[in-house]
């Protein structure tokens, strides 16, 4: 009987340990993000909200089924600087709900299924530590020597578009997951109209504007006949 009692107690303890979430020590500052490449013409020490932070939040949080404008899970939408800033204490990442809820490791950590990686954690931390400004680098470099979908367009789509336009229920019924999807959108003029924020089109990405370089790359890709590789 003794053995049975202690064996059962051990099983219960193991279940409790396994089910517990390991809480991260948020008092330790993560390393600074790796500096961008030489084509980035702005300060390599500054974390720019529009260039680095917003794409992370849009991809991980403001996606269909979570905190996009259509779903509004928990009554929250994280597709703009104003909405994100409400969860930030400038210069103090550890006091910022945005940072703690994303990286605490608790049961309430977000995103629940695909947590942010170490690089993304560094971006959020150091953006807040630098004051959480709504800043942007408009001179990030623009390599238009060989514009293809794989090399030029797909990275932009992945950073800015797939948080809304992917999965089984993409926003506005528009999927941009594949080369064929993006080509079809470009052929309908919907692509350029949206990213240029033209009248009659839904402005995309929500809460932000692509850099002049990114918009120019899309237009050149279309002008070249939409090469895939």
Protein backbone atom coordinates (compact mmCIF):
# COMPACT_ATOMS: atom_id res chain seq x y z
CA UNK A 1 0.00 0.00 0.00
CA UNK A 2 2.86 2.36 0.84
CA UNK A 3 4.41 1.82 -2.55
CA UNK A 4 1.10 2.47 -4.28
CA UNK A 5 0.58 5.69 -2.34
CA UNK A 6 4.05 7.08 -3.10
CA UNK A 7 3.85 5.97 -6.73
CA UNK A 8 0.56 7.78 -7.15
CA UNK A 9 2.03 10.87 -5.43
CA UNK A 10 5.01 10.79 -7.79
CA UNK A 11 2.74 10.58 -10.83
CA UNK A 12 0.74 13.58 -9.62
CA UNK A 13 3.91 15.61 -9.06
CA UNK A 14 5.18 14.74 -12.52
CA UNK A 15 1.89 15.85 -14.08
CA UNK A 16 2.04 19.15 -12.21
CA UNK A 17 5.64 19.78 -13.27
CA UNK A 18 4.98 18.95 -16.91
CA UNK A 19 1.84 21.08 -17.04
CA UNK A 20 3.51 24.13 -15.51
CA UNK A 21 4.77 26.87 -17.80
CA UNK A 22 8.34 27.93 -17.26
CA UNK A 23 8.36 31.65 -16.59
CA UNK A 24 11.16 33.52 -18.26
CA UNK A 25 13.32 35.98 -16.32
CA UNK A 26 12.34 39.24 -17.98
CA UNK A 27 14.74 41.25 -15.82
CA UNK A 28 17.57 40.18 -18.13
CA UNK A 29 17.87 42.32 -21.25
CA UNK A 30 18.22 40.27 -24.45
CA UNK A 31 21.13 40.98 -26.80
CA UNK A 32 20.56 43.79 -29.25
CA UNK A 33 19.24 42.69 -32.67
CA UNK A 34 21.79 41.96 -35.34
CA UNK A 35 22.50 45.10 -37.38
CA UNK A 36 20.82 45.30 -40.79
CA UNK A 37 22.82 44.91 -43.97
CA UNK A 38 24.86 47.67 -45.60
CA UNK A 39 21.93 48.57 -47.86
CA UNK A 40 20.13 49.97 -44.79
CA UNK A 41 21.01 53.67 -44.91
CA UNK A 42 19.52 54.77 -41.57
CA UNK A 43 20.99 54.31 -38.09
CA UNK A 44 21.98 50.69 -37.45
CA UNK A 45 21.53 51.22 -33.70
CA UNK A 46 17.91 52.40 -33.88
CA UNK A 47 14.94 50.03 -33.85
CA UNK A 48 12.44 51.60 -36.23
CA UNK A 49 8.79 50.84 -35.48
CA UNK A 50 7.53 50.81 -39.07
CA UNK A 51 10.47 48.81 -40.44
CA UNK A 52 11.01 46.23 -37.71
CA UNK A 53 8.39 46.23 -34.94
CA UNK A 54 5.12 46.51 -36.84
CA UNK A 55 5.88 43.56 -39.19
CA UNK A 56 6.56 41.38 -36.12
CA UNK A 57 3.28 42.35 -34.45
CA UNK A 58 1.22 42.06 -37.64
CA UNK A 59 2.60 38.59 -38.35
CA UNK A 60 2.27 37.22 -34.83
CA UNK A 61 -0.71 39.08 -33.35
CA UNK A 62 -2.80 41.07 -35.86
CA UNK A 63 -3.71 38.05 -37.95
CA UNK A 64 -7.00 36.44 -38.86
CA UNK A 65 -8.56 34.76 -35.84
CA UNK A 66 -6.60 36.86 -33.35
CA UNK A 67 -6.16 40.62 -33.03
CA UNK A 68 -6.96 41.85 -36.52
CA UNK A 69 -9.71 44.36 -37.22
CA UNK A 70 -12.18 41.62 -38.22
CA UNK A 71 -11.69 39.24 -35.28
CA UNK A 72 -10.82 41.66 -32.44
CA UNK A 73 -10.09 38.82 -30.00
CA UNK A 74 -10.48 40.07 -26.46
CA UNK A 75 -11.64 43.37 -27.91
CA UNK A 76 -8.09 44.22 -28.97
CA UNK A 77 -6.71 45.14 -32.39
CA UNK A 78 -2.95 45.37 -32.88
CA UNK A 79 -2.62 46.74 -36.38
CA UNK A 80 -1.47 50.29 -35.65
CA UNK A 81 1.08 52.22 -33.63
CA UNK A 82 -1.66 53.82 -31.50
CA UNK A 83 -3.10 50.45 -30.45
CA UNK A 84 0.28 48.89 -29.73
CA UNK A 85 1.56 51.93 -27.84
CA UNK A 86 -1.26 51.60 -25.30
CA UNK A 87 0.49 48.47 -23.98
CA UNK A 88 3.91 50.12 -23.69
CA UNK A 89 5.73 52.08 -20.99
CA UNK A 90 8.38 53.98 -22.97
CA UNK A 91 11.98 53.22 -21.95
CA UNK A 92 10.82 50.40 -19.61
CA UNK A 93 10.27 47.02 -21.34
CA UNK A 94 9.79 45.11 -18.06
CA UNK A 95 6.91 47.41 -17.09
CA UNK A 96 5.31 47.15 -20.54
CA UNK A 97 2.42 44.71 -20.87
CA UNK A 98 3.31 44.20 -24.52
CA UNK A 99 6.70 42.78 -23.57
CA UNK A 100 5.61 40.75 -20.56
CA UNK A 101 2.63 39.11 -22.24
CA UNK A 102 4.70 38.14 -25.27
CA UNK A 103 7.72 36.75 -23.44
CA UNK A 104 6.82 35.84 -19.85
CA UNK A 105 6.36 32.15 -20.66
CA UNK A 106 3.18 32.08 -18.54
CA UNK A 107 -0.08 30.42 -19.52
CA UNK A 108 -1.26 33.79 -20.85
CA UNK A 109 1.70 34.21 -23.19
CA UNK A 110 0.92 35.40 -26.70
CA UNK A 111 0.90 34.22 -29.42
CA UNK A 112 -0.19 30.94 -27.78
CA UNK A 113 0.72 28.54 -30.61
CA UNK A 114 3.78 30.10 -32.25
CA UNK A 115 5.72 32.17 -29.70
CA UNK A 116 8.10 34.81 -30.94
CA UNK A 117 11.75 33.85 -31.32
CA UNK A 118 14.81 35.44 -29.70
CA UNK A 119 15.37 37.90 -32.56
CA UNK A 120 11.79 39.13 -32.39
CA UNK A 121 12.06 39.43 -28.61
CA UNK A 122 15.14 41.63 -29.03
CA UNK A 123 13.34 43.87 -31.51
CA UNK A 124 10.39 44.45 -29.15
CA UNK A 125 12.61 44.94 -26.09
CA UNK A 126 15.03 47.44 -27.61
CA UNK A 127 12.29 49.38 -29.40
CA UNK A 128 10.62 49.97 -26.03
CA UNK A 129 13.95 50.64 -24.32
CA UNK A 130 14.70 53.33 -26.91
CA UNK A 131 11.42 55.12 -26.19
CA UNK A 132 8.87 53.22 -28.32
CA UNK A 133 8.71 55.93 -30.97
CA UNK A 134 6.60 55.76 -34.13
CA UNK A 135 9.69 56.04 -36.30
CA UNK A 136 10.50 54.83 -39.78
CA UNK A 137 13.49 54.60 -42.06
CA UNK A 138 12.57 55.74 -45.57
CA UNK A 139 16.10 55.22 -46.88
CA UNK A 140 16.50 51.53 -46.17
CA UNK A 141 18.18 50.83 -49.49
CA UNK A 142 16.49 49.66 -52.63
CA UNK A 143 18.12 46.95 -54.73
CA UNK A 144 16.14 46.85 -57.97
CA UNK A 145 18.81 45.23 -60.16
CA UNK A 146 17.11 41.83 -60.33
CA UNK A 147 13.49 41.99 -59.23
CA UNK A 148 11.77 38.60 -58.96
CA UNK A 149 8.94 37.22 -56.89
CA UNK A 150 11.21 34.85 -54.94
CA UNK A 151 13.99 37.33 -54.27
CA UNK A 152 12.17 40.65 -53.96
CA UNK A 153 8.40 40.34 -53.63
CA UNK A 154 7.87 37.27 -51.47
CA UNK A 155 9.85 38.65 -48.47
CA UNK A 156 7.69 41.79 -48.48
CA UNK A 157 4.48 39.75 -48.74
CA UNK A 158 5.57 37.50 -45.87
CA UNK A 159 6.41 40.43 -43.61
CA UNK A 160 3.40 42.62 -44.33
CA UNK A 161 0.57 40.64 -45.90
CA UNK A 162 0.30 37.03 -44.74
CA UNK A 163 -0.85 37.90 -41.24
CA UNK A 164 -4.20 38.80 -42.83
CA UNK A 165 -4.19 37.14 -46.23
CA UNK A 166 -3.50 33.49 -45.49
CA UNK A 167 -5.16 30.45 -43.98
CA UNK A 168 -8.62 29.05 -44.56
CA UNK A 169 -10.40 32.38 -44.03
CA UNK A 170 -8.17 35.15 -45.42
CA UNK A 171 -9.30 38.73 -44.94
CA UNK A 172 -11.66 39.97 -47.67
CA UNK A 173 -11.42 36.47 -49.19
CA UNK A 174 -8.00 37.36 -50.61
CA UNK A 175 -5.16 34.89 -50.15
CA UNK A 176 -1.59 35.91 -50.96
CA UNK A 177 0.12 32.70 -49.89
CA UNK A 178 1.42 31.63 -53.29
CA UNK A 179 3.05 33.14 -56.34
CA UNK A 180 -0.14 32.49 -58.33
CA UNK A 181 -2.22 34.31 -55.67
CA UNK A 182 -0.04 37.43 -55.84
CA UNK A 183 -0.01 37.38 -59.66
CA UNK A 184 -3.81 37.19 -59.73
CA UNK A 185 -4.05 40.11 -57.33
CA UNK A 186 -1.62 42.14 -59.43
CA UNK A 187 -3.52 41.35 -62.63
CA UNK A 188 -6.71 42.74 -61.13
CA UNK A 189 -4.95 46.05 -60.24
CA UNK A 190 -6.02 45.40 -56.66
CA UNK A 191 -2.45 44.95 -55.50
CA UNK A 192 -1.01 48.32 -56.53
CA UNK A 193 -4.21 50.18 -55.72
CA UNK A 194 -4.13 48.87 -52.16
CA UNK A 195 -0.45 49.35 -51.38
CA UNK A 196 -0.56 52.87 -52.88
CA UNK A 197 -3.65 53.61 -50.76
CA UNK A 198 -5.56 54.75 -53.83
CA UNK A 199 -9.21 55.75 -53.69
CA UNK A 200 -11.58 52.80 -54.15
CA UNK A 201 -9.17 50.25 -52.69
CA UNK A 202 -8.66 48.96 -49.14
CA UNK A 203 -5.43 50.51 -47.90
CA UNK A 204 -2.85 47.84 -47.20
CA UNK A 205 -1.06 46.97 -45.04
CA UNK A 206 -3.47 48.02 -42.31
CA UNK A 207 -2.08 50.64 -40.00
CA UNK A 208 1.04 51.22 -42.07
CA UNK A 209 2.40 52.20 -45.46
CA UNK A 210 5.00 50.29 -47.41
CA UNK A 211 8.23 52.16 -48.02
CA UNK A 212 8.65 53.92 -51.38
CA UNK A 213 11.27 51.28 -52.17
CA UNK A 214 8.87 48.37 -51.57
CA UNK A 215 6.15 49.98 -53.66
CA UNK A 216 8.64 50.63 -56.46
CA UNK A 217 9.77 47.00 -56.35
CA UNK A 218 6.19 45.79 -56.78
CA UNK A 219 5.69 48.11 -59.73
CA UNK A 220 8.94 47.08 -61.41
CA UNK A 221 8.11 43.40 -60.87
CA UNK A 222 4.79 43.95 -62.64
CA UNK A 223 6.44 45.93 -65.44
CA UNK A 224 8.94 43.09 -65.99
CA UNK A 225 6.11 40.59 -66.47
CA UNK A 226 6.00 39.27 -62.88
CA UNK A 227 9.02 36.90 -63.03
CA UNK A 228 8.94 34.18 -60.41
CA UNK A 229 12.69 33.48 -60.10
